[in-house]
C-alpha atoms as a PDB file:
ATOM      1  CA  MET A   1       0.000   0.000   0.000  1.00  0.00           C
ATOM      2  CA  ALA A   2       1.394   3.408  -0.986  1.00  0.00           C
ATOM      3  CA  ALA A   3       1.886   5.647   2.056  1.00  0.00           C
ATOM      4  CA  PHE A   4       3.445   8.947   3.083  1.00  0.00           C
ATOM      5  CA  PHE A   5       5.338   7.506   6.069  1.00  0.00           C
ATOM      6  CA  THR A   6       6.766   4.287   7.403  1.00  0.00           C
ATOM      7  CA  HIS A   7       7.082   3.572  11.141  1.00  0.00           C
ATOM      8  CA  GLU A   8      10.271   1.932  12.365  1.00  0.00           C
ATOM      9  CA  ASP A   9      11.976   1.829  15.772  1.00  0.00           C
ATOM     10  CA  GLY A  10       9.517   4.310  17.256  1.00  0.00           C
ATOM     11  CA  ARG A  11      10.117   6.953  14.584  1.00  0.00           C
ATOM     12  CA  TYR A  12       8.386   7.935  11.373  1.00  0.00           C
ATOM     13  CA  HIS A  13      10.229   8.095   8.073  1.00  0.00           C
ATOM     14  CA  ALA A  14       8.893  10.005   5.076  1.00  0.00           C
ATOM     15  CA  THR A  15       8.528   8.377   1.668  1.00  0.00           C
ATOM     16  CA  PRO A  16       9.054  10.409  -1.541  1.00  0.00           C
ATOM     17  CA  MET A  17       5.295  11.040  -1.596  1.00  0.00           C
ATOM     18  CA  ALA A  18       5.651  13.338   1.433  1.00  0.00           C
ATOM     19  CA  VAL A  19       8.321  15.658  -0.011  1.00  0.00           C
ATOM     20  CA  SER A  20       7.427  19.339  -0.375  1.00  0.00           C
ATOM     21  CA  ALA A  21       7.066  21.274  -3.614  1.00  0.00           C
ATOM     22  CA  TRP A  22       9.059  24.074  -1.961  1.00  0.00           C
ATOM     23  CA  SER A  23      12.210  22.072  -1.176  1.00  0.00           C
ATOM     24  CA  GLN A  24      13.473  18.530  -1.734  1.00  0.00           C
ATOM     25  CA  GLY A  25      14.761  18.439   1.844  1.00  0.00           C
ATOM     26  CA  GLN A  26      11.430  19.346   3.455  1.00  0.00           C
ATOM     27  CA  LEU A  27       8.043  17.680   3.843  1.00  0.00           C
ATOM     28  CA  ALA A  28       4.753  18.957   2.478  1.00  0.00           C
ATOM     29  CA  GLY A  29       2.269  20.507   4.888  1.00  0.00           C
ATOM     30  CA  THR A  30      -0.367  18.014   3.761  1.00  0.00           C
ATOM     31  CA  ALA A  31       1.757  15.094   4.927  1.00  0.00           C
ATOM     32  CA  VAL A  32       2.699  16.894   8.148  1.00  0.00           C
ATOM     33  CA  CYS A  33      -0.952  17.571   8.983  1.00  0.00           C
ATOM     34  CA  GLY A  34      -1.903  13.995   8.164  1.00  0.00           C
ATOM     35  CA  LEU A  35       0.812  12.636  10.453  1.00  0.00           C
ATOM     36  CA  LEU A  36      -0.152  14.942  13.323  1.00  0.00           C
ATOM     37  CA  ALA A  37      -3.789  13.881  12.916  1.00  0.00           C
ATOM     38  CA  HIS A  38      -2.657  10.241  12.954  1.00  0.00           C
ATOM     39  CA  ARG A  39      -1.093  10.758  16.381  1.00  0.00           C
ATOM     40  CA  LEU A  40      -3.893  12.914  17.796  1.00  0.00           C
ATOM     41  CA  GLU A  41      -6.528  10.373  16.833  1.00  0.00           C
ATOM     42  CA  THR A  42      -4.910   7.764  19.072  1.00  0.00           C
ATOM     43  CA  HIS A  43      -6.260   9.814  22.001  1.00  0.00           C
ATOM     44  CA  SER A  44      -9.910   9.759  20.890  1.00  0.00           C
ATOM     45  CA  PRO A  45     -12.270   9.156  23.834  1.00  0.00           C
ATOM     46  CA  GLY A  46     -14.508   6.954  21.666  1.00  0.00           C
ATOM     47  CA  PRO A  47     -16.983   6.876  18.762  1.00  0.00           C
ATOM     48  CA  VAL A  48     -19.413   9.392  20.286  1.00  0.00           C
ATOM     49  CA  PHE A  49     -16.702  12.069  20.174  1.00  0.00           C
ATOM     50  CA  LEU A  50     -15.934  14.026  17.011  1.00  0.00           C
ATOM     51  CA  PRO A  51     -12.503  15.597  16.310  1.00  0.00           C
ATOM     52  CA  ALA A  52     -14.327  18.864  15.766  1.00  0.00           C
ATOM     53  CA  ARG A  53     -11.395  21.273  15.649  1.00  0.00           C
ATOM     54  CA  PHE A  54      -7.889  20.591  14.383  1.00  0.00           C
ATOM     55  CA  THR A  55      -5.316  23.379  14.383  1.00  0.00           C
ATOM     56  CA  ALA A  56      -1.730  23.041  13.208  1.00  0.00           C
ATOM     57  CA  ASP A  57       1.104  25.545  13.516  1.00  0.00           C
ATOM     58  CA  LEU A  58       3.705  25.055  10.787  1.00  0.00           C
ATOM     59  CA  PHE A  59       6.383  27.394  12.100  1.00  0.00           C
ATOM     60  CA  ARG A  60       9.534  25.441  11.137  1.00  0.00           C
ATOM     61  CA  PRO A  61      10.274  23.276   8.098  1.00  0.00           C
ATOM     62  CA  VAL A  62       9.738  19.595   8.828  1.00  0.00           C
ATOM     63  CA  LEU A  63      12.810  17.946   7.330  1.00  0.00           C
ATOM     64  CA  ASP A  64      13.107  14.761   5.335  1.00  0.00           C
ATOM     65  CA  GLU A  65      14.658  13.091   8.362  1.00  0.00           C
ATOM     66  CA  PRO A  66      13.383  10.694  11.064  1.00  0.00           C
ATOM     67  CA  ILE A  67      10.467  12.141  13.023  1.00  0.00           C
ATOM     68  CA  GLU A  68       9.644  11.777  16.696  1.00  0.00           C
ATOM     69  CA  LEU A  69       5.977  12.303  17.564  1.00  0.00           C
ATOM     70  CA  ARG A  70       4.970  13.478  21.030  1.00  0.00           C
ATOM     71  CA  SER A  71       1.452  13.945  22.358  1.00  0.00           C
ATOM     72  CA  SER A  72      -0.458  14.517  25.582  1.00  0.00           C
ATOM     73  CA  ILE A  73      -4.002  15.022  26.828  1.00  0.00           C
ATOM     74  CA  VAL A  74      -4.355  18.615  27.981  1.00  0.00           C
ATOM     75  CA  ARG A  75      -7.912  18.547  29.275  1.00  0.00           C
ATOM     76  CA  ASP A  76     -10.404  15.723  29.731  1.00  0.00           C
ATOM     77  CA  GLY A  77     -14.102  16.053  30.502  1.00  0.00           C
ATOM     78  CA  ASN A  78     -17.518  14.549  29.839  1.00  0.00           C
ATOM     79  CA  ARG A  79     -18.097  16.586  26.662  1.00  0.00           C
ATOM     80  CA  ILE A  80     -14.644  17.706  25.567  1.00  0.00           C
ATOM     81  CA  ARG A  81     -11.098  16.376  25.365  1.00  0.00           C
ATOM     82  CA  ALA A  82      -8.164  18.552  24.255  1.00  0.00           C
ATOM     83  CA  VAL A  83      -5.009  16.890  22.969  1.00  0.00           C
ATOM     84  CA  ASP A  84      -1.676  18.357  21.842  1.00  0.00           C
ATOM     85  CA  ALA A  85       0.837  16.744  19.483  1.00  0.00           C
ATOM     86  CA  SER A  86       4.189  17.846  18.116  1.00  0.00           C
ATOM     87  CA  ILE A  87       6.793  16.789  15.568  1.00  0.00           C
ATOM     88  CA  VAL A  88      10.330  16.804  16.956  1.00  0.00           C
ATOM     89  CA  GLN A  89      13.532  16.747  14.914  1.00  0.00           C
ATOM     90  CA  ARG A  90      17.062  17.670  16.001  1.00  0.00           C
ATOM     91  CA  ASP A  91      15.681  18.223  19.528  1.00  0.00           C
ATOM     92  CA  GLU A  92      13.398  21.011  18.216  1.00  0.00           C
ATOM     93  CA  VAL A  93       9.626  21.167  17.863  1.00  0.00           C
ATOM     94  CA  ARG A  94       9.097  21.662  14.128  1.00  0.00           C
ATOM     95  CA  ALA A  95       5.286  21.654  14.008  1.00  0.00           C
ATOM     96  CA  ARG A  96       2.516  21.233  16.538  1.00  0.00           C
ATOM     97  CA  ALA A  97      -1.199  20.580  16.478  1.00  0.00           C
ATOM     98  CA  THR A  98      -4.178  20.494  18.787  1.00  0.00           C
ATOM     99  CA  VAL A  99      -7.462  18.661  18.480  1.00  0.00           C
ATOM    100  CA  LEU A 100     -10.679  19.219  20.407  1.00  0.00           C
ATOM    101  CA  PHE A 101     -12.805  16.092  20.634  1.00  0.00           C
ATOM    102  CA  LEU A 102     -16.424  17.119  21.275  1.00  0.00           C
ATOM    103  CA  ALA A 103     -19.254  14.830  22.356  1.00  0.00           C
ATOM    104  CA  MET A 104     -21.909  14.593  19.634  1.00  0.00           C
ATOM    105  CA  ALA A 105     -25.590  15.218  20.459  1.00  0.00           C
ATOM    106  CA  ASP A 106     -28.927  16.012  18.830  1.00  0.00           C
ATOM    107  CA  GLU A 107     -29.319  19.387  17.156  1.00  0.00           C
ATOM    108  CA  PRO A 108     -31.424  21.914  19.139  1.00  0.00           C
ATOM    109  CA  PRO A 109     -34.907  22.647  17.746  1.00  0.00           C
ATOM    110  CA  GLY A 110     -35.694  25.606  15.525  1.00  0.00           C
ATOM    111  CA  GLU A 111     -34.621  26.997  12.174  1.00  0.00           C
ATOM    112  CA  VAL A 112     -31.322  28.844  11.793  1.00  0.00           C
ATOM    113  CA  TRP A 113     -29.967  30.641   8.712  1.00  0.00           C
ATOM    114  CA  GLN A 114     -27.327  28.858   6.697  1.00  0.00           C
ATOM    115  CA  PRO A 115     -25.777  30.051   3.411  1.00  0.00           C
ATOM    116  CA  ALA A 116     -26.455  28.296   0.138  1.00  0.00           C
ATOM    117  CA  GLN A 117     -23.541  26.032  -0.772  1.00  0.00           C
ATOM    118  CA  ASP A 118     -21.964  25.839  -4.219  1.00  0.00           C
ATOM    119  CA  LEU A 119     -20.012  22.591  -3.938  1.00  0.00           C
ATOM    120  CA  PRO A 120     -18.945  21.171  -7.311  1.00  0.00           C
ATOM    121  CA  VAL A 121     -18.696  17.368  -7.426  1.00  0.00           C
ATOM    122  CA  PRO A 122     -17.128  15.457 -10.340  1.00  0.00           C
ATOM    123  CA  GLU A 123     -19.078  12.695 -12.044  1.00  0.00           C
ATOM    124  CA  ARG A 124     -15.948  10.577 -12.108  1.00  0.00           C
ATOM    125  CA  ARG A 125     -15.292   8.755  -8.853  1.00  0.00           C
ATOM    126  CA  LEU A 126     -11.885   8.527  -7.188  1.00  0.00           C
ATOM    127  CA  ASP A 127     -12.613   5.507  -5.028  1.00  0.00           C
ATOM    128  CA  GLY A 128      -9.642   3.198  -5.547  1.00  0.00           C
ATOM    129  CA  PRO A 129      -8.193   1.697  -2.344  1.00  0.00           C
ATOM    130  CA  GLU A 130      -4.661   2.968  -3.092  1.00  0.00           C
ATOM    131  CA  GLY A 131      -5.642   6.628  -3.477  1.00  0.00           C
ATOM    132  CA  ALA A 132      -5.349   8.678  -6.661  1.00  0.00           C
ATOM    133  CA  PRO A 133      -3.944  11.954  -8.020  1.00  0.00           C
ATOM    134  CA  PRO A 134      -6.363  14.804  -7.283  1.00  0.00           C
ATOM    135  CA  LEU A 135      -8.826  16.336  -9.702  1.00  0.00           C
ATOM    136  CA  PHE A 136      -8.854  20.125 -10.133  1.00  0.00           C
ATOM    137  CA  LYS A 137     -11.527  22.556 -11.275  1.00  0.00           C
ATOM    138  CA  SER A 138     -10.989  26.224 -12.118  1.00  0.00           C
ATOM    139  CA  GLY A 139     -14.017  28.462 -12.537  1.00  0.00           C
ATOM    140  CA  ALA A 140     -16.534  26.939 -14.959  1.00  0.00           C
ATOM    141  CA  GLY A 141     -13.915  24.580 -16.418  1.00  0.00           C
ATOM    142  CA  ASP A 142     -14.118  20.799 -16.332  1.00  0.00           C
ATOM    143  CA  TRP A 143     -12.553  18.599 -13.692  1.00  0.00           C
ATOM    144  CA  THR A 144      -9.071  17.446 -14.690  1.00  0.00           C
ATOM    145  CA  HIS A 145      -5.976  15.761 -13.293  1.00  0.00           C
ATOM    146  CA  ASP A 146      -3.859  18.372 -15.096  1.00  0.00           C
ATOM    147  CA  PHE A 147      -1.652  20.222 -12.588  1.00  0.00           C
ATOM    148  CA  ALA A 148      -1.270  22.995 -15.179  1.00  0.00           C
ATOM    149  CA  SER A 149      -5.017  23.694 -15.223  1.00  0.00           C
ATOM    150  CA  GLY A 150      -4.918  26.110 -12.296  1.00  0.00           C
ATOM    151  CA  VAL A 151      -2.673  28.707 -13.934  1.00  0.00           C
ATOM    152  CA  ASN A 152      -5.407  31.342 -13.909  1.00  0.00           C
ATOM    153  CA  SER A 153      -7.206  33.690 -11.522  1.00  0.00           C
ATOM    154  CA  PHE A 154     -10.458  31.695 -11.276  1.00  0.00           C
ATOM    155  CA  ARG A 155     -11.997  30.192  -8.158  1.00  0.00           C
ATOM    156  CA  LYS A 156     -10.646  26.693  -7.610  1.00  0.00           C
ATOM    157  CA  SER A 157     -11.727  23.341  -6.221  1.00  0.00           C
ATOM    158  CA  ALA A 158      -9.880  20.074  -5.712  1.00  0.00           C
ATOM    159  CA  TRP A 159     -11.212  16.530  -5.314  1.00  0.00           C
ATOM    160  CA  ASN A 160      -9.067  14.019  -3.434  1.00  0.00           C
ATOM    161  CA  ASN A 161      -8.624  10.359  -2.607  1.00  0.00           C
ATOM    162  CA  VAL A 162      -5.798  10.356  -0.065  1.00  0.00           C
ATOM    163  CA  PRO A 163      -3.461   7.340   0.153  1.00  0.00           C
ATOM    164  CA  ALA A 164      -2.443   5.904   3.521  1.00  0.00           C
ATOM    165  CA  ILE A 165      -0.651   8.280   5.870  1.00  0.00           C
ATOM    166  CA  VAL A 166       1.307   5.503   7.616  1.00  0.00           C
ATOM    167  CA  GLU A 167       2.280   2.307   5.847  1.00  0.00           C
ATOM    168  CA  GLY A 168       0.146  -0.670   6.795  1.00  0.00           C
ATOM    169  CA  ARG A 169      -2.748   1.430   8.115  1.00  0.00           C
ATOM    170  CA  ALA A 170      -5.712   2.504   6.005  1.00  0.00           C
ATOM    171  CA  VAL A 171      -6.223   6.261   6.038  1.00  0.00           C
ATOM    172  CA  THR A 172      -8.941   7.300   8.509  1.00  0.00           C
ATOM    173  CA  PRO A 173     -11.628   9.930   7.816  1.00  0.00           C
ATOM    174  CA  PHE A 174      -9.965  12.342  10.270  1.00  0.00           C
ATOM    175  CA  GLU A 175      -6.519  11.865   8.726  1.00  0.00           C
ATOM    176  CA  ARG A 176      -8.074  12.458   5.313  1.00  0.00           C
ATOM    177  CA  ALA A 177      -9.697  15.703   6.450  1.00  0.00           C
ATOM    178  CA  ALA A 178      -6.499  16.980   8.093  1.00  0.00           C
ATOM    179  CA  PHE A 179      -4.437  16.154   5.002  1.00  0.00           C
ATOM    180  CA  VAL A 180      -6.858  17.855   2.606  1.00  0.00           C
ATOM    181  CA  SER A 181      -7.224  20.904   4.865  1.00  0.00           C
ATOM    182  CA  ASP A 182      -3.641  21.913   4.092  1.00  0.00           C
ATOM    183  CA  THR A 183      -4.509  22.090   0.376  1.00  0.00           C
ATOM    184  CA  ALA A 184      -6.463  25.241   1.217  1.00  0.00           C
ATOM    185  CA  ASN A 185      -3.233  27.011   0.263  1.00  0.00           C
ATOM    186  CA  LEU A 186      -3.378  25.443  -3.186  1.00  0.00           C
ATOM    187  CA  VAL A 187      -7.015  26.182  -4.048  1.00  0.00           C
ATOM    188  CA  CYS A 188      -6.890  29.709  -2.615  1.00  0.00           C
ATOM    189  CA  ASN A 189      -3.381  30.959  -3.477  1.00  0.00           C
ATOM    190  CA  TRP A 190      -2.831  29.356  -6.909  1.00  0.00           C
ATOM    191  CA  GLY A 191      -2.774  32.037  -9.587  1.00  0.00           C
ATOM    192  CA  THR A 192      -1.424  33.002 -12.977  1.00  0.00           C
ATOM    193  CA  GLN A 193       2.213  32.642 -11.855  1.00  0.00           C
ATOM    194  CA  GLY A 194       1.817  29.535  -9.702  1.00  0.00           C
ATOM    195  CA  VAL A 195       1.576  29.275  -5.908  1.00  0.00           C
ATOM    196  CA  GLY A 196       3.374  32.193  -4.251  1.00  0.00           C
ATOM    197  CA  HIS A 197       2.280  31.855  -0.624  1.00  0.00           C
ATOM    198  CA  ILE A 198       3.245  29.222   1.930  1.00  0.00           C
ATOM    199  CA  ASN A 199       0.790  28.651   4.761  1.00  0.00           C
ATOM    200  CA  THR A 200       1.960  28.968   8.356  1.00  0.00           C
ATOM    201  CA  ASP A 201      -1.055  27.335   9.946  1.00  0.00           C
ATOM    202  CA  VAL A 202      -4.199  25.287   9.395  1.00  0.00           C
ATOM    203  CA  ALA A 203      -7.470  25.688  11.300  1.00  0.00           C
ATOM    204  CA  LEU A 204      -9.907  22.897  10.443  1.00  0.00           C
ATOM    205  CA  ALA A 205     -13.391  22.755  11.959  1.00  0.00           C
ATOM    206  CA  LEU A 206     -15.620  19.715  11.384  1.00  0.00           C
ATOM    207  CA  VAL A 207     -19.297  19.052  12.047  1.00  0.00           C
ATOM    208  CA  ARG A 208     -18.985  15.458  10.866  1.00  0.00           C
ATOM    209  CA  LEU A 209     -16.355  13.138   9.457  1.00  0.00           C
ATOM    210  CA  PRO A 210     -16.218  12.657   5.676  1.00  0.00           C
ATOM    211  CA  GLU A 211     -17.885   9.542   4.309  1.00  0.00           C
ATOM    212  CA  GLY A 212     -16.219   7.427   1.665  1.00  0.00           C
ATOM    213  CA  PRO A 213     -12.730   7.791   0.197  1.00  0.00           C
ATOM    214  CA  GLU A 214     -13.385  11.088  -1.619  1.00  0.00           C
ATOM    215  CA  LEU A 215     -13.097  14.584  -0.168  1.00  0.00           C
ATOM    216  CA  GLY A 216     -13.433  17.925  -1.916  1.00  0.00           C
ATOM    217  CA  ILE A 217     -12.202  21.389  -0.995  1.00  0.00           C
ATOM    218  CA  VAL A 218     -13.363  24.648  -2.571  1.00  0.00           C
ATOM    219  CA  ALA A 219     -12.157  28.228  -2.105  1.00  0.00           C
ATOM    220  CA  GLN A 220     -14.686  30.443  -0.310  1.00  0.00           C
ATOM    221  CA  ASN A 221     -12.840  33.647   0.600  1.00  0.00           C
ATOM    222  CA  ARG A 222      -9.412  35.242   0.280  1.00  0.00           C
ATOM    223  CA  VAL A 223      -7.953  38.487   1.630  1.00  0.00           C
ATOM    224  CA  ALA A 224      -4.340  39.440   0.821  1.00  0.00           C
ATOM    225  CA  ALA A 225      -2.072  42.427   1.556  1.00  0.00           C
ATOM    226  CA  ASN A 226       1.487  43.079   2.764  1.00  0.00           C
ATOM    227  CA  GLY A 227       2.637  39.632   1.709  1.00  0.00           C
ATOM    228  CA  ILE A 228       0.083  37.928   3.986  1.00  0.00           C
ATOM    229  CA  ALA A 229      -2.967  36.042   2.738  1.00  0.00           C
ATOM    230  CA  VAL A 230      -5.898  34.758   4.798  1.00  0.00           C
ATOM    231  CA  ALA A 231      -8.050  32.197   3.024  1.00  0.00           C
ATOM    232  CA  THR A 232     -11.116  30.149   3.887  1.00  0.00           C
ATOM    233  CA  THR A 233     -12.396  26.964   2.280  1.00  0.00           C
ATOM    234  CA  THR A 234     -15.220  24.459   2.619  1.00  0.00           C
ATOM    235  CA  LEU A 235     -14.501  20.723   2.830  1.00  0.00           C
ATOM    236  CA  TYR A 236     -17.198  18.414   1.496  1.00  0.00           C
ATOM    237  CA  ASP A 237     -17.955  14.911   0.299  1.00  0.00           C
ATOM    238  CA  ARG A 238     -20.644  13.581  -2.039  1.00  0.00           C
ATOM    239  CA  ILE A 239     -23.268  14.063   0.679  1.00  0.00           C
ATOM    240  CA  GLY A 240     -22.491  17.717   1.437  1.00  0.00           C
ATOM    241  CA  PRO A 241     -20.268  19.963   3.570  1.00  0.00           C
ATOM    242  CA  VAL A 242     -18.276  18.475   6.443  1.00  0.00           C
ATOM    243  CA  GLY A 243     -16.560  21.635   7.705  1.00  0.00           C
ATOM    244  CA  THR A 244     -14.350  24.601   6.943  1.00  0.00           C
ATOM    245  CA  CYS A 245     -10.646  25.375   6.921  1.00  0.00           C
ATOM    246  CA  THR A 246      -8.876  28.722   7.318  1.00  0.00           C
ATOM    247  CA  ILE A 247      -5.182  29.341   6.724  1.00  0.00           C
ATOM    248  CA  THR A 248      -2.780  32.249   7.148  1.00  0.00           C
ATOM    249  CA  ALA A 249      -0.011  32.325   4.545  1.00  0.00           C
ATOM    250  CA  LEU A 250       3.199  34.270   3.937  1.00  0.00           C
ATOM    251  CA  SER A 251       4.522  35.450   0.591  1.00  0.00           C
ATOM    252  CA  ASN A 252       7.192  33.124  -0.789  1.00  0.00           C
ATOM    253  CA  ALA A 253       7.589  34.851  -4.155  1.00  0.00           C
ATOM    254  CA  MET A 254      11.287  34.043  -4.479  1.00  0.00           C
ATOM    255  CA  ARG A 255      10.371  30.345  -4.652  1.00  0.00           C
ATOM    256  CA  GLN A 256       7.011  30.506  -6.396  1.00  0.00           C
ATOM    257  CA  VAL A 257       5.875  26.941  -7.189  1.00  0.00           C
ATOM    258  CA  ASP A 258       4.893  25.840 -10.688  1.00  0.00           C
ATOM    259  CA  MET A 259       2.497  22.967  -9.992  1.00  0.00           C
ATOM    260  CA  ALA A 260       2.995  21.393 -13.434  1.00  0.00           C
ATOM    261  CA  GLU A 261       6.747  21.182 -12.805  1.00  0.00           C
ATOM    262  CA  PHE A 262       6.081  19.791  -9.323  1.00  0.00           C
ATOM    263  CA  ALA A 263       3.838  17.049 -10.746  1.00  0.00           C
ATOM    264  CA  ALA A 264       6.386  16.140 -13.414  1.00  0.00           C
ATOM    265  CA  ALA A 265       9.169  15.908 -10.810  1.00  0.00           C
ATOM    266  CA  ARG A 266       7.027  13.488  -8.778  1.00  0.00           C
ATOM    267  CA  GLY A 267       6.158  11.361 -11.795  1.00  0.00           C
ATOM    268  CA  ILE A 268       2.484  12.350 -11.640  1.00  0.00           C
ATOM    269  CA  PRO A 269       0.965  12.171 -15.134  1.00  0.00           C
ATOM    270  CA  VAL A 270       0.140  15.642 -16.496  1.00  0.00           C
ATOM    271  CA  PRO A 271      -2.163  15.400 -19.541  1.00  0.00           C
ATOM    272  CA  ARG A 272      -1.697  17.896 -22.352  1.00  0.00           C
END
C-alpha cells in the first residue's frame, strides 16, 4: 500500500510522496498535517466524540529526516477532550497541532440561517483503495488531473482520494480531512504565476467526518495584503459539507511553485 510515512523503531520516516514542492529536503504541509492527525486520533475518547477542531502551527520546516511524535491530553471532561501533538527533529519542535474532541448530540430545535452552498462534485469517482492523483476545477472549467489547469485567476476546487498516511494502516476519515485541509493554500493561493504563498497554519473545523474515500475542498474567501494572505475553504464529500478550513499564509515569491513542474518531478501524469 502506498503511504506517506513508514514507522520503524519508534520513529516515522517520510517516503518520496511526502516531499514538499518548496524544497526537496522538506516535507509537504499536507503530509505533516496527516501525520499529526494520525497521532492525535490515538487519544480519541470513543466513537461518540468528534474531532471537531484541528489546528496546526507550521512554524519550522519539517525535514526529510526521522520524526519523533509526542502527544499529551491537555484537558479531559464529559463533553470535551483537548489533545496536543508535536513533531520533533534535532531536539526542536518543528510543528505542533491540537485537536478538540467534542461529544456529539442532537441538534437543538428551531430553524437557523445557513448560506447556500456551491459545492462542485465530479461525475468521475476517485474511489480506488490505493488513493489517486487529485482532480482540479478552475471556474466553470471541467474537472481534470492536469496540474497545469490552475494557472489562472479563477476560483478553484480540488477533489481528493488520499493514500495511507502511515504504511500498513488505512487512512482514517480524520486523517483524510487533516491532510486535505492543508490544500487550502493550493485552491486559494494558486494564480497566474503559480503558488506564491506558503501557509503557516491550518485551522480545520468539522461538524462530521467525511464519508467514503473522496473529499473535496473549494475556495470560499481570500484576503491578501502586505505579503500575507488569509483564506477560507469548505470541505465536502458527495453528501455535502463536512466543515471549513482557514489558513494564514506568507509570501514566498522568491520560490514561487509551478504545480505542473512539481507534478512532473514526482512522476504524476500531467495530460496535455
